[in-house]
Amino acid sequence: SPGAAATNPVSAPGLTPGAAAVNPAPAPGPTPAMSGPNGEPNVTAGLEEEEVMPEEEYAALNLMLDQINSCLDNLEEKNDTLNAKLHELLESNRQVRMEFRQQQIDATAPTDSQDRST
């Protein structure tokens, strides 16, 4: 009967009779190049044979890549500058600490020798 067909689950090839299909049957049309991770039938891999990327899109992509490359070069230059300044700061800090230690040694050395002489 027509009403019974509407309530019965859709069967798929390879399933036991009466078992419901997880995905509905694909829409009529060309066979997809590849199915998706969940079996979606309309997922294609890459560009179709008749699809060609227009020259304007290549030019736009090329411009974006040039801008990204320029930004990365700028970041690399800033990173190198910061790295050099950090090394200068560390070396200066080492020098100051050595001078401070030497001053502490010089300041305590005469008192130790004076204490020994008395």
PDB file of N, CA and C in Angstrom:
ATOM      1  N   SER A   1       0.837  -1.192   0.000  1.00  0.00           N
ATOM      2  CA  SER A   1       0.000   0.000   0.000  1.00  0.00           C
ATOM      3  C   SER A   1       0.874   1.244   0.000  1.00  0.00           C
ATOM      4  N   PRO A   2       0.381   2.381  -0.504  1.00  0.00           N
ATOM      5  CA  PRO A   2       1.196   3.584  -0.587  1.00  0.00           C
ATOM      6  C   PRO A   2       1.589   4.112   0.782  1.00  0.00           C
ATOM      7  N   GLY A   3       0.739   4.016   1.795  1.00  0.00           N
ATOM      8  CA  GLY A   3       1.077   4.506   3.130  1.00  0.00           C
ATOM      9  C   GLY A   3       2.170   3.690   3.775  1.00  0.00           C
ATOM     10  N   ALA A   4       2.199   2.401   3.531  1.00  0.00           N
ATOM     11  CA  ALA A   4       3.203   1.528   4.123  1.00  0.00           C
ATOM     12  C   ALA A   4       4.577   1.827   3.551  1.00  0.00           C
ATOM     13  N   ALA A   5       4.670   2.184   2.297  1.00  0.00           N
ATOM     14  CA  ALA A   5       5.971   2.478   1.685  1.00  0.00           C
ATOM     15  C   ALA A   5       6.579   3.720   2.311  1.00  0.00           C
ATOM     16  N   ALA A   6       5.787   4.674   2.732  1.00  0.00           N
ATOM     17  CA  ALA A   6       6.305   5.904   3.308  1.00  0.00           C
ATOM     18  C   ALA A   6       6.865   5.671   4.706  1.00  0.00           C
ATOM     19  N   THR A   7       6.336   4.672   5.448  1.00  0.00           N
ATOM     20  CA  THR A   7       6.803   4.444   6.803  1.00  0.00           C
ATOM     21  C   THR A   7       7.930   3.432   6.868  1.00  0.00           C
ATOM     22  N   ASN A   8       8.148   2.648   5.831  1.00  0.00           N
ATOM     23  CA  ASN A   8       9.234   1.671   5.842  1.00  0.00           C
ATOM     24  C   ASN A   8      10.574   2.388   5.677  1.00  0.00           C
ATOM     25  N   PRO A   9      11.607   1.922   6.394  1.00  0.00           N
ATOM     26  CA  PRO A   9      12.926   2.532   6.229  1.00  0.00           C
ATOM     27  C   PRO A   9      13.477   2.266   4.837  1.00  0.00           C
ATOM     28  N   VAL A  10      14.358   3.126   4.406  1.00  0.00           N
ATOM     29  CA  VAL A  10      14.971   2.985   3.088  1.00  0.00           C
ATOM     30  C   VAL A  10      15.995   1.871   3.158  1.00  0.00           C
ATOM     31  N   SER A  11      15.937   0.968   2.200  1.00  0.00           N
ATOM     32  CA  SER A  11      16.904  -0.122   2.159  1.00  0.00           C
ATOM     33  C   SER A  11      18.069   0.272   1.269  1.00  0.00           C
ATOM     34  N   ALA A  12      19.208  -0.261   1.569  1.00  0.00           N
ATOM     35  CA  ALA A  12      20.398   0.003   0.758  1.00  0.00           C
ATOM     36  C   ALA A  12      20.962  -1.323   0.302  1.00  0.00           C
ATOM     37  N   PRO A  13      21.630  -1.350  -0.837  1.00  0.00           N
ATOM     38  CA  PRO A  13      22.220  -2.607  -1.302  1.00  0.00           C
ATOM     39  C   PRO A  13      23.209  -3.135  -0.279  1.00  0.00           C
ATOM     40  N   GLY A  14      23.245  -4.412  -0.076  1.00  0.00           N
ATOM     41  CA  GLY A  14      24.183  -5.025   0.851  1.00  0.00           C
ATOM     42  C   GLY A  14      23.640  -5.148   2.261  1.00  0.00           C
ATOM     43  N   LEU A  15      22.479  -4.539   2.568  1.00  0.00           N
ATOM     44  CA  LEU A  15      21.884  -4.645   3.892  1.00  0.00           C
ATOM     45  C   LEU A  15      20.866  -5.764   3.880  1.00  0.00           C
ATOM     46  N   THR A  16      20.635  -6.304   5.029  1.00  0.00           N
ATOM     47  CA  THR A  16      19.611  -7.339   5.117  1.00  0.00           C
ATOM     48  C   THR A  16      18.259  -6.712   4.852  1.00  0.00           C
ATOM     49  N   PRO A  17      17.332  -7.471   4.317  1.00  0.00           N
ATOM     50  CA  PRO A  17      16.010  -6.900   4.029  1.00  0.00           C
ATOM     51  C   PRO A  17      15.407  -6.297   5.282  1.00  0.00           C
ATOM     52  N   GLY A  18      14.855  -5.092   5.156  1.00  0.00           N
ATOM     53  CA  GLY A  18      14.222  -4.420   6.274  1.00  0.00           C
ATOM     54  C   GLY A  18      15.174  -3.551   7.080  1.00  0.00           C
ATOM     55  N   ALA A  19      16.475  -3.661   6.842  1.00  0.00           N
ATOM     56  CA  ALA A  19      17.437  -2.839   7.582  1.00  0.00           C
ATOM     57  C   ALA A  19      17.467  -1.442   6.975  1.00  0.00           C
ATOM     58  N   ALA A  20      17.571  -0.447   7.830  1.00  0.00           N
ATOM     59  CA  ALA A  20      17.584   0.941   7.357  1.00  0.00           C
ATOM     60  C   ALA A  20      18.978   1.327   6.904  1.00  0.00           C
ATOM     61  N   ALA A  21      19.045   2.132   5.856  1.00  0.00           N
ATOM     62  CA  ALA A  21      20.336   2.645   5.379  1.00  0.00           C
ATOM     63  C   ALA A  21      20.744   3.818   6.251  1.00  0.00           C
ATOM     64  N   VAL A  22      22.030   3.934   6.551  1.00  0.00           N
ATOM     65  CA  VAL A  22      22.539   5.036   7.352  1.00  0.00           C
ATOM     66  C   VAL A  22      22.511   6.314   6.534  1.00  0.00           C
ATOM     67  N   ASN A  23      22.976   6.267   5.297  1.00  0.00           N
ATOM     68  CA  ASN A  23      22.975   7.422   4.405  1.00  0.00           C
ATOM     69  C   ASN A  23      21.948   7.182   3.307  1.00  0.00           C
ATOM     70  N   PRO A  24      21.206   8.209   2.930  1.00  0.00           N
ATOM     71  CA  PRO A  24      20.261   8.025   1.824  1.00  0.00           C
ATOM     72  C   PRO A  24      21.019   7.777   0.528  1.00  0.00           C
ATOM     73  N   ALA A  25      20.323   7.261  -0.458  1.00  0.00           N
ATOM     74  CA  ALA A  25      20.940   6.983  -1.752  1.00  0.00           C
ATOM     75  C   ALA A  25      21.433   8.288  -2.360  1.00  0.00           C
ATOM     76  N   PRO A  26      22.568   8.252  -3.058  1.00  0.00           N
ATOM     77  CA  PRO A  26      23.099   9.475  -3.654  1.00  0.00           C
ATOM     78  C   PRO A  26      22.179  10.000  -4.735  1.00  0.00           C
ATOM     79  N   ALA A  27      22.244  11.312  -4.918  1.00  0.00           N
ATOM     80  CA  ALA A  27      21.428  11.940  -5.947  1.00  0.00           C
ATOM     81  C   ALA A  27      21.920  11.479  -7.310  1.00  0.00           C
ATOM     82  N   PRO A  28      21.014  11.379  -8.272  1.00  0.00           N
ATOM     83  CA  PRO A  28      21.454  10.953  -9.595  1.00  0.00           C
ATOM     84  C   PRO A  28      22.432  11.953 -10.173  1.00  0.00           C
ATOM     85  N   GLY A  29      23.406  11.464 -10.912  1.00  0.00           N
ATOM     86  CA  GLY A  29      24.405  12.339 -11.506  1.00  0.00           C
ATOM     87  C   GLY A  29      25.702  11.586 -11.706  1.00  0.00           C
ATOM     88  N   PRO A  30      26.760  12.301 -11.984  1.00  0.00           N
ATOM     89  CA  PRO A  30      28.044  11.625 -12.215  1.00  0.00           C
ATOM     90  C   PRO A  30      28.550  10.958 -10.947  1.00  0.00           C
ATOM     91  N   THR A  31      29.301   9.914 -11.116  1.00  0.00           N
ATOM     92  CA  THR A  31      29.881   9.198  -9.987  1.00  0.00           C
ATOM     93  C   THR A  31      30.909  10.087  -9.317  1.00  0.00           C
ATOM     94  N   PRO A  32      30.846  10.242  -7.988  1.00  0.00           N
ATOM     95  CA  PRO A  32      31.824  11.110  -7.318  1.00  0.00           C
ATOM     96  C   PRO A  32      33.224  10.522  -7.408  1.00  0.00           C
ATOM     97  N   ALA A  33      34.224  11.414  -7.391  1.00  0.00           N
ATOM     98  CA  ALA A  33      35.608  10.972  -7.477  1.00  0.00           C
ATOM     99  C   ALA A  33      36.035  10.271  -6.201  1.00  0.00           C
ATOM    100  N   MET A  34      35.419  10.662  -5.086  1.00  0.00           N
ATOM    101  CA  MET A  34      35.823  10.108  -3.804  1.00  0.00           C
ATOM    102  C   MET A  34      34.696  10.350  -2.817  1.00  0.00           C
ATOM    103  N   SER A  35      34.500   9.439  -1.879  1.00  0.00           N
ATOM    104  CA  SER A  35      33.482   9.692  -0.868  1.00  0.00           C
ATOM    105  C   SER A  35      34.158  10.244   0.371  1.00  0.00           C
ATOM    106  N   GLY A  36      33.390  10.994   1.173  1.00  0.00           N
ATOM    107  CA  GLY A  36      33.929  11.618   2.372  1.00  0.00           C
ATOM    108  C   GLY A  36      34.127  10.609   3.485  1.00  0.00           C
ATOM    109  N   PRO A  37      34.604  11.072   4.650  1.00  0.00           N
ATOM    110  CA  PRO A  37      34.898  10.160   5.754  1.00  0.00           C
ATOM    111  C   PRO A  37      33.678   9.440   6.288  1.00  0.00           C
ATOM    112  N   ASN A  38      32.512  10.024   6.132  1.00  0.00           N
ATOM    113  CA  ASN A  38      31.292   9.387   6.611  1.00  0.00           C
ATOM    114  C   ASN A  38      30.473   8.826   5.465  1.00  0.00           C
ATOM    115  N   GLY A  39      31.075   8.680   4.310  1.00  0.00           N
ATOM    116  CA  GLY A  39      30.395   8.115   3.165  1.00  0.00           C
ATOM    117  C   GLY A  39      29.567   9.111   2.392  1.00  0.00           C
ATOM    118  N   GLU A  40      29.765  10.422   2.602  1.00  0.00           N
ATOM    119  CA  GLU A  40      29.010  11.409   1.842  1.00  0.00           C
ATOM    120  C   GLU A  40      29.386  11.261   0.373  1.00  0.00           C
ATOM    121  N   PRO A  41      28.398  11.148  -0.491  1.00  0.00           N
ATOM    122  CA  PRO A  41      28.703  10.851  -1.889  1.00  0.00           C
ATOM    123  C   PRO A  41      29.141  12.048  -2.711  1.00  0.00           C
ATOM    124  N   ASN A  42      28.936  13.277  -2.270  1.00  0.00           N
ATOM    125  CA  ASN A  42      29.199  14.427  -3.113  1.00  0.00           C
ATOM    126  C   ASN A  42      30.548  15.085  -2.856  1.00  0.00           C
ATOM    127  N   VAL A  43      31.450  14.445  -2.121  1.00  0.00           N
ATOM    128  CA  VAL A  43      32.771  14.999  -1.859  1.00  0.00           C
ATOM    129  C   VAL A  43      33.683  14.629  -3.014  1.00  0.00           C
ATOM    130  N   THR A  44      34.344  15.630  -3.590  1.00  0.00           N
ATOM    131  CA  THR A  44      35.270  15.358  -4.689  1.00  0.00           C
ATOM    132  C   THR A  44      36.685  15.706  -4.258  1.00  0.00           C
ATOM    133  N   ALA A  45      37.646  15.090  -4.869  1.00  0.00           N
ATOM    134  CA  ALA A  45      39.048  15.336  -4.547  1.00  0.00           C
ATOM    135  C   ALA A  45      39.616  16.327  -5.544  1.00  0.00           C
ATOM    136  N   GLY A  46      39.909  17.547  -5.100  1.00  0.00           N
ATOM    137  CA  GLY A  46      40.545  18.539  -5.950  1.00  0.00           C
ATOM    138  C   GLY A  46      39.608  19.118  -6.983  1.00  0.00           C
ATOM    139  N   LEU A  47      40.191  19.668  -8.020  1.00  0.00           N
ATOM    140  CA  LEU A  47      39.416  20.286  -9.092  1.00  0.00           C
ATOM    141  C   LEU A  47      38.967  19.235 -10.094  1.00  0.00           C
ATOM    142  N   GLU A  48      37.800  19.434 -10.640  1.00  0.00           N
ATOM    143  CA  GLU A  48      37.328  18.550 -11.704  1.00  0.00           C
ATOM    144  C   GLU A  48      38.147  18.835 -12.960  1.00  0.00           C
ATOM    145  N   GLU A  49      38.115  17.915 -13.911  1.00  0.00           N
ATOM    146  CA  GLU A  49      38.901  18.088 -15.133  1.00  0.00           C
ATOM    147  C   GLU A  49      38.536  19.363 -15.872  1.00  0.00           C
ATOM    148  N   GLU A  50      37.244  19.691 -15.920  1.00  0.00           N
ATOM    149  CA  GLU A  50      36.832  20.871 -16.681  1.00  0.00           C
ATOM    150  C   GLU A  50      37.040  22.165 -15.896  1.00  0.00           C
ATOM    151  N   GLU A  51      37.243  22.070 -14.569  1.00  0.00           N
ATOM    152  CA  GLU A  51      37.473  23.264 -13.764  1.00  0.00           C
ATOM    153  C   GLU A  51      38.942  23.660 -13.844  1.00  0.00           C
ATOM    154  N   VAL A  52      39.188  24.911 -14.203  1.00  0.00           N
ATOM    155  CA  VAL A  52      40.544  25.439 -14.255  1.00  0.00           C
ATOM    156  C   VAL A  52      40.556  26.722 -13.439  1.00  0.00           C
ATOM    157  N   MET A  53      41.575  26.876 -12.597  1.00  0.00           N
ATOM    158  CA  MET A  53      41.666  28.070 -11.770  1.00  0.00           C
ATOM    159  C   MET A  53      41.974  29.267 -12.667  1.00  0.00           C
ATOM    160  N   PRO A  54      41.149  30.310 -12.594  1.00  0.00           N
ATOM    161  CA  PRO A  54      41.371  31.487 -13.432  1.00  0.00           C
ATOM    162  C   PRO A  54      42.691  32.185 -13.092  1.00  0.00           C
ATOM    163  N   GLU A  55      43.236  32.880 -14.073  1.00  0.00           N
ATOM    164  CA  GLU A  55      44.509  33.592 -13.918  1.00  0.00           C
ATOM    165  C   GLU A  55      44.438  34.618 -12.794  1.00  0.00           C
ATOM    166  N   GLU A  56      43.256  35.259 -12.627  1.00  0.00           N
ATOM    167  CA  GLU A  56      43.109  36.261 -11.571  1.00  0.00           C
ATOM    168  C   GLU A  56      43.290  35.629 -10.188  1.00  0.00           C
ATOM    169  N   GLU A  57      42.782  34.401 -10.027  1.00  0.00           N
ATOM    170  CA  GLU A  57      42.926  33.721  -8.738  1.00  0.00           C
ATOM    171  C   GLU A  57      44.386  33.378  -8.468  1.00  0.00           C
ATOM    172  N   TYR A  58      45.115  32.958  -9.496  1.00  0.00           N
ATOM    173  CA  TYR A  58      46.547  32.700  -9.343  1.00  0.00           C
ATOM    174  C   TYR A  58      47.271  33.974  -8.942  1.00  0.00           C
ATOM    175  N   ALA A  59      46.927  35.082  -9.597  1.00  0.00           N
ATOM    176  CA  ALA A  59      47.566  36.359  -9.291  1.00  0.00           C
ATOM    177  C   ALA A  59      47.248  36.789  -7.854  1.00  0.00           C
ATOM    178  N   ALA A  60      45.998  36.609  -7.429  1.00  0.00           N
ATOM    179  CA  ALA A  60      45.611  36.976  -6.065  1.00  0.00           C
ATOM    180  C   ALA A  60      46.333  36.103  -5.038  1.00  0.00           C
ATOM    181  N   LEU A  61      46.402  34.811  -5.311  1.00  0.00           N
ATOM    182  CA  LEU A  61      47.128  33.903  -4.407  1.00  0.00           C
ATOM    183  C   LEU A  61      48.608  34.257  -4.355  1.00  0.00           C
ATOM    184  N   ASN A  62      49.175  34.571  -5.513  1.00  0.00           N
ATOM    185  CA  ASN A  62      50.580  34.937  -5.569  1.00  0.00           C
ATOM    186  C   ASN A  62      50.840  36.207  -4.757  1.00  0.00           C
ATOM    187  N   LEU A  63      49.940  37.180  -4.867  1.00  0.00           N
ATOM    188  CA  LEU A  63      50.072  38.423  -4.110  1.00  0.00           C
ATOM    189  C   LEU A  63      49.984  38.148  -2.612  1.00  0.00           C
ATOM    190  N   MET A  64      49.026  37.310  -2.205  1.00  0.00           N
ATOM    191  CA  MET A  64      48.893  36.975  -0.785  1.00  0.00           C
ATOM    192  C   MET A  64      50.144  36.258  -0.276  1.00  0.00           C
ATOM    193  N   LEU A  65      50.678  35.339  -1.065  1.00  0.00           N
ATOM    194  CA  LEU A  65      51.891  34.633  -0.655  1.00  0.00           C
ATOM    195  C   LEU A  65      53.071  35.591  -0.547  1.00  0.00           C
ATOM    196  N   ASP A  66      53.159  36.557  -1.463  1.00  0.00           N
ATOM    197  CA  ASP A  66      54.222  37.562  -1.382  1.00  0.00           C
ATOM    198  C   ASP A  66      54.089  38.390  -0.107  1.00  0.00           C
ATOM    199  N   GLN A  67      52.859  38.767   0.232  1.00  0.00           N
ATOM    200  CA  GLN A  67      52.638  39.542   1.452  1.00  0.00           C
ATOM    201  C   GLN A  67      52.989  38.731   2.692  1.00  0.00           C
ATOM    202  N   ILE A  68      52.601  37.464   2.701  1.00  0.00           N
ATOM    203  CA  ILE A  68      52.938  36.595   3.833  1.00  0.00           C
ATOM    204  C   ILE A  68      54.451  36.447   3.946  1.00  0.00           C
ATOM    205  N   ASN A  69      55.115  36.256   2.808  1.00  0.00           N
ATOM    206  CA  ASN A  69      56.566  36.120   2.808  1.00  0.00           C
ATOM    207  C   ASN A  69      57.231  37.389   3.339  1.00  0.00           C
ATOM    208  N   SER A  70      56.719  38.534   2.935  1.00  0.00           N
ATOM    209  CA  SER A  70      57.256  39.810   3.407  1.00  0.00           C
ATOM    210  C   SER A  70      57.074  39.944   4.919  1.00  0.00           C
ATOM    211  N   CYS A  71      55.899  39.569   5.416  1.00  0.00           N
ATOM    212  CA  CYS A  71      55.643  39.623   6.859  1.00  0.00           C
ATOM    213  C   CYS A  71      56.574  38.681   7.617  1.00  0.00           C
ATOM    214  N   LEU A  72      56.772  37.503   7.082  1.00  0.00           N
ATOM    215  CA  LEU A  72      57.675  36.541   7.734  1.00  0.00           C
ATOM    216  C   LEU A  72      59.112  37.044   7.737  1.00  0.00           C
ATOM    217  N   ASP A  73      59.541  37.674   6.637  1.00  0.00           N
ATOM    218  CA  ASP A  73      60.887  38.254   6.596  1.00  0.00           C
ATOM    219  C   ASP A  73      61.033  39.348   7.647  1.00  0.00           C
ATOM    220  N   ASN A  74      59.993  40.176   7.776  1.00  0.00           N
ATOM    221  CA  ASN A  74      60.007  41.248   8.764  1.00  0.00           C
ATOM    222  C   ASN A  74      60.081  40.672  10.181  1.00  0.00           C
ATOM    223  N   LEU A  75      59.285  39.654  10.453  1.00  0.00           N
ATOM    224  CA  LEU A  75      59.313  39.006  11.766  1.00  0.00           C
ATOM    225  C   LEU A  75      60.675  38.383  12.054  1.00  0.00           C
ATOM    226  N   GLU A  76      61.259  37.767  11.038  1.00  0.00           N
ATOM    227  CA  GLU A  76      62.578  37.151  11.221  1.00  0.00           C
ATOM    228  C   GLU A  76      63.622  38.209  11.546  1.00  0.00           C
ATOM    229  N   GLU A  77      63.553  39.346  10.865  1.00  0.00           N
ATOM    230  CA  GLU A  77      64.497  40.433  11.125  1.00  0.00           C
ATOM    231  C   GLU A  77      64.333  40.967  12.548  1.00  0.00           C
ATOM    232  N   LYS A  78      63.075  41.167  12.973  1.00  0.00           N
ATOM    233  CA  LYS A  78      62.822  41.635  14.336  1.00  0.00           C
ATOM    234  C   LYS A  78      63.303  40.615  15.363  1.00  0.00           C
ATOM    235  N   ASN A  79      63.084  39.342  15.081  1.00  0.00           N
ATOM    236  CA  ASN A  79      63.522  38.282  15.984  1.00  0.00           C
ATOM    237  C   ASN A  79      65.050  38.294  16.115  1.00  0.00           C
ATOM    238  N   ASP A  80      65.731  38.446  14.987  1.00  0.00           N
ATOM    239  CA  ASP A  80      67.198  38.501  15.022  1.00  0.00           C
ATOM    240  C   ASP A  80      67.685  39.702  15.824  1.00  0.00           C
ATOM    241  N   THR A  81      67.015  40.862  15.646  1.00  0.00           N
ATOM    242  CA  THR A  81      67.397  42.067  16.374  1.00  0.00           C
ATOM    243  C   THR A  81      67.174  41.879  17.872  1.00  0.00           C
ATOM    244  N   LEU A  82      66.013  41.332  18.239  1.00  0.00           N
ATOM    245  CA  LEU A  82      65.732  41.089  19.659  1.00  0.00           C
ATOM    246  C   LEU A  82      66.713  40.087  20.257  1.00  0.00           C
ATOM    247  N   ASN A  83      67.041  39.064  19.485  1.00  0.00           N
ATOM    248  CA  ASN A  83      67.985  38.053  19.960  1.00  0.00           C
ATOM    249  C   ASN A  83      69.354  38.680  20.220  1.00  0.00           C
ATOM    250  N   ALA A  84      69.812  39.556  19.307  1.00  0.00           N
ATOM    251  CA  ALA A  84      71.105  40.216  19.482  1.00  0.00           C
ATOM    252  C   ALA A  84      71.079  41.122  20.719  1.00  0.00           C
ATOM    253  N   LYS A  85      69.971  41.872  20.908  1.00  0.00           N
ATOM    254  CA  LYS A  85      69.853  42.742  22.086  1.00  0.00           C
ATOM    255  C   LYS A  85      69.831  41.924  23.369  1.00  0.00           C
ATOM    256  N   LEU A  86      69.176  40.779  23.335  1.00  0.00           N
ATOM    257  CA  LEU A  86      69.121  39.913  24.512  1.00  0.00           C
ATOM    258  C   LEU A  86      70.513  39.414  24.870  1.00  0.00           C
ATOM    259  N   HIS A  87      71.282  39.016  23.863  1.00  0.00           N
ATOM    260  CA  HIS A  87      72.655  38.552  24.129  1.00  0.00           C
ATOM    261  C   HIS A  87      73.503  39.686  24.705  1.00  0.00           C
ATOM    262  N   GLU A  88      73.331  40.910  24.184  1.00  0.00           N
ATOM    263  CA  GLU A  88      74.055  42.060  24.733  1.00  0.00           C
ATOM    264  C   GLU A  88      73.668  42.285  26.189  1.00  0.00           C
ATOM    265  N   LEU A  89      72.371  42.207  26.483  1.00  0.00           N
ATOM    266  CA  LEU A  89      71.886  42.401  27.849  1.00  0.00           C
ATOM    267  C   LEU A  89      72.431  41.327  28.786  1.00  0.00           C
ATOM    268  N   LEU A  90      72.429  40.084  28.342  1.00  0.00           N
ATOM    269  CA  LEU A  90      72.964  39.004  29.176  1.00  0.00           C
ATOM    270  C   LEU A  90      74.449  39.196  29.454  1.00  0.00           C
ATOM    271  N   GLU A  91      75.188  39.575  28.435  1.00  0.00           N
ATOM    272  CA  GLU A  91      76.625  39.792  28.614  1.00  0.00           C
ATOM    273  C   GLU A  91      76.870  40.967  29.559  1.00  0.00           C
ATOM    274  N   SER A  92      76.088  42.035  29.409  1.00  0.00           N
ATOM    275  CA  SER A  92      76.212  43.187  30.299  1.00  0.00           C
ATOM    276  C   SER A  92      75.882  42.795  31.735  1.00  0.00           C
ATOM    277  N   ASN A  93      74.841  41.979  31.898  1.00  0.00           N
ATOM    278  CA  ASN A  93      74.442  41.512  33.226  1.00  0.00           C
ATOM    279  C   ASN A  93      75.560  40.675  33.855  1.00  0.00           C
ATOM    280  N   ARG A  94      76.175  39.806  33.074  1.00  0.00           N
ATOM    281  CA  ARG A  94      77.298  39.003  33.589  1.00  0.00           C
ATOM    282  C   ARG A  94      78.439  39.901  34.047  1.00  0.00           C
ATOM    283  N   GLN A  95      78.740  40.918  33.248  1.00  0.00           N
ATOM    284  CA  GLN A  95      79.829  41.827  33.567  1.00  0.00           C
ATOM    285  C   GLN A  95      79.539  42.579  34.861  1.00  0.00           C
ATOM    286  N   VAL A  96      78.312  43.073  35.013  1.00  0.00           N
ATOM    287  CA  VAL A  96      77.926  43.815  36.222  1.00  0.00           C
ATOM    288  C   VAL A  96      78.002  42.904  37.442  1.00  0.00           C
ATOM    289  N   ARG A  97      77.530  41.663  37.307  1.00  0.00           N
ATOM    290  CA  ARG A  97      77.594  40.731  38.444  1.00  0.00           C
ATOM    291  C   ARG A  97      79.037  40.441  38.848  1.00  0.00           C
ATOM    292  N   MET A  98      79.903  40.262  37.853  1.00  0.00           N
ATOM    293  CA  MET A  98      81.318  40.001  38.167  1.00  0.00           C
ATOM    294  C   MET A  98      81.939  41.206  38.879  1.00  0.00           C
ATOM    295  N   GLU A  99      81.627  42.414  38.411  1.00  0.00           N
ATOM    296  CA  GLU A  99      82.151  43.619  39.059  1.00  0.00           C
ATOM    297  C   GLU A  99      81.613  43.747  40.478  1.00  0.00           C
ATOM    298  N   PHE A 100      80.316  43.450  40.650  1.00  0.00           N
ATOM    299  CA  PHE A 100      79.711  43.527  41.982  1.00  0.00           C
ATOM    300  C   PHE A 100      80.367  42.532  42.929  1.00  0.00           C
ATOM    301  N   ARG A 101      80.577  41.306  42.472  1.00  0.00           N
ATOM    302  CA  ARG A 101      81.243  40.299  43.313  1.00  0.00           C
ATOM    303  C   ARG A 101      82.661  40.735  43.672  1.00  0.00           C
ATOM    304  N   GLN A 102      83.342  41.298  42.703  1.00  0.00           N
ATOM    305  CA  GLN A 102      84.705  41.741  42.964  1.00  0.00           C
ATOM    306  C   GLN A 102      84.711  42.871  43.998  1.00  0.00           C
ATOM    307  N   GLN A 103      83.727  43.773  43.911  1.00  0.00           N
ATOM    308  CA  GLN A 103      83.628  44.852  44.894  1.00  0.00           C
ATOM    309  C   GLN A 103      83.337  44.291  46.280  1.00  0.00           C
ATOM    310  N   GLN A 104      82.475  43.250  46.349  1.00  0.00           N
ATOM    311  CA  GLN A 104      82.187  42.629  47.645  1.00  0.00           C
ATOM    312  C   GLN A 104      83.437  41.971  48.212  1.00  0.00           C
ATOM    313  N   ILE A 105      84.183  41.307  47.365  1.00  0.00           N
ATOM    314  CA  ILE A 105      85.423  40.654  47.812  1.00  0.00           C
ATOM    315  C   ILE A 105      86.416  41.704  48.287  1.00  0.00           C
ATOM    316  N   ASP A 106      86.568  42.790  47.520  1.00  0.00           N
ATOM    317  CA  ASP A 106      87.503  43.852  47.889  1.00  0.00           C
ATOM    318  C   ASP A 106      87.072  44.539  49.179  1.00  0.00           C
ATOM    319  N   ALA A 107      85.745  44.699  49.372  1.00  0.00           N
ATOM    320  CA  ALA A 107      85.247  45.378  50.567  1.00  0.00           C
ATOM    321  C   ALA A 107      85.417  44.511  51.810  1.00  0.00           C
ATOM    322  N   THR A 108      85.297  43.215  51.687  1.00  0.00           N
ATOM    323  CA  THR A 108      85.414  42.334  52.855  1.00  0.00           C
ATOM    324  C   THR A 108      86.855  41.907  53.110  1.00  0.00           C
ATOM    325  N   ALA A 109      87.700  41.916  52.109  1.00  0.00           N
ATOM    326  CA  ALA A 109      89.082  41.471  52.278  1.00  0.00           C
ATOM    327  C   ALA A 109      89.859  42.340  53.263  1.00  0.00           C
ATOM    328  N   PRO A 110      89.827  43.692  53.192  1.00  0.00           N
ATOM    329  CA  PRO A 110      90.592  44.489  54.160  1.00  0.00           C
ATOM    330  C   PRO A 110      90.072  44.316  55.580  1.00  0.00           C
ATOM    331  N   THR A 111      88.776  44.168  55.764  1.00  0.00           N
ATOM    332  CA  THR A 111      88.241  43.990  57.112  1.00  0.00           C
ATOM    333  C   THR A 111      88.712  42.672  57.699  1.00  0.00           C
ATOM    334  N   ASP A 112      88.784  41.639  56.875  1.00  0.00           N
ATOM    335  CA  ASP A 112      89.268  40.346  57.365  1.00  0.00           C
ATOM    336  C   ASP A 112      90.737  40.466  57.785  1.00  0.00           C
ATOM    337  N   SER A 113      91.537  41.138  57.003  1.00  0.00           N
ATOM    338  CA  SER A 113      92.960  41.262  57.342  1.00  0.00           C
ATOM    339  C   SER A 113      93.149  42.185  58.539  1.00  0.00           C
ATOM    340  N   GLN A 114      92.280  43.200  58.681  1.00  0.00           N
ATOM    341  CA  GLN A 114      92.381  44.080  59.853  1.00  0.00           C
ATOM    342  C   GLN A 114      91.980  43.324  61.104  1.00  0.00           C
ATOM    343  N   ASP A 115      90.953  42.467  61.002  1.00  0.00           N
ATOM    344  CA  ASP A 115      90.519  41.686  62.153  1.00  0.00           C
ATOM    345  C   ASP A 115      91.621  40.734  62.601  1.00  0.00           C
ATOM    346  N   ARG A 116      92.379  40.201  61.660  1.00  0.00           N
ATOM    347  CA  ARG A 116      93.436  39.256  61.984  1.00  0.00           C
ATOM    348  C   ARG A 116      94.628  39.972  62.664  1.00  0.00           C
ATOM    349  N   SER A 117      94.861  41.220  62.294  1.00  0.00           N
ATOM    350  CA  SER A 117      96.015  41.939  62.837  1.00  0.00           C
ATOM    351  C   SER A 117      95.776  42.428  64.254  1.00  0.00           C
ATOM    352  N   THR A 118      94.581  42.528  64.691  1.00  0.00           N
ATOM    353  CA  THR A 118      94.322  43.024  66.046  1.00  0.00           C
ATOM    354  C   THR A 118      94.254  41.956  67.073  1.00  0.00           C
TER     355      THR A 118
END
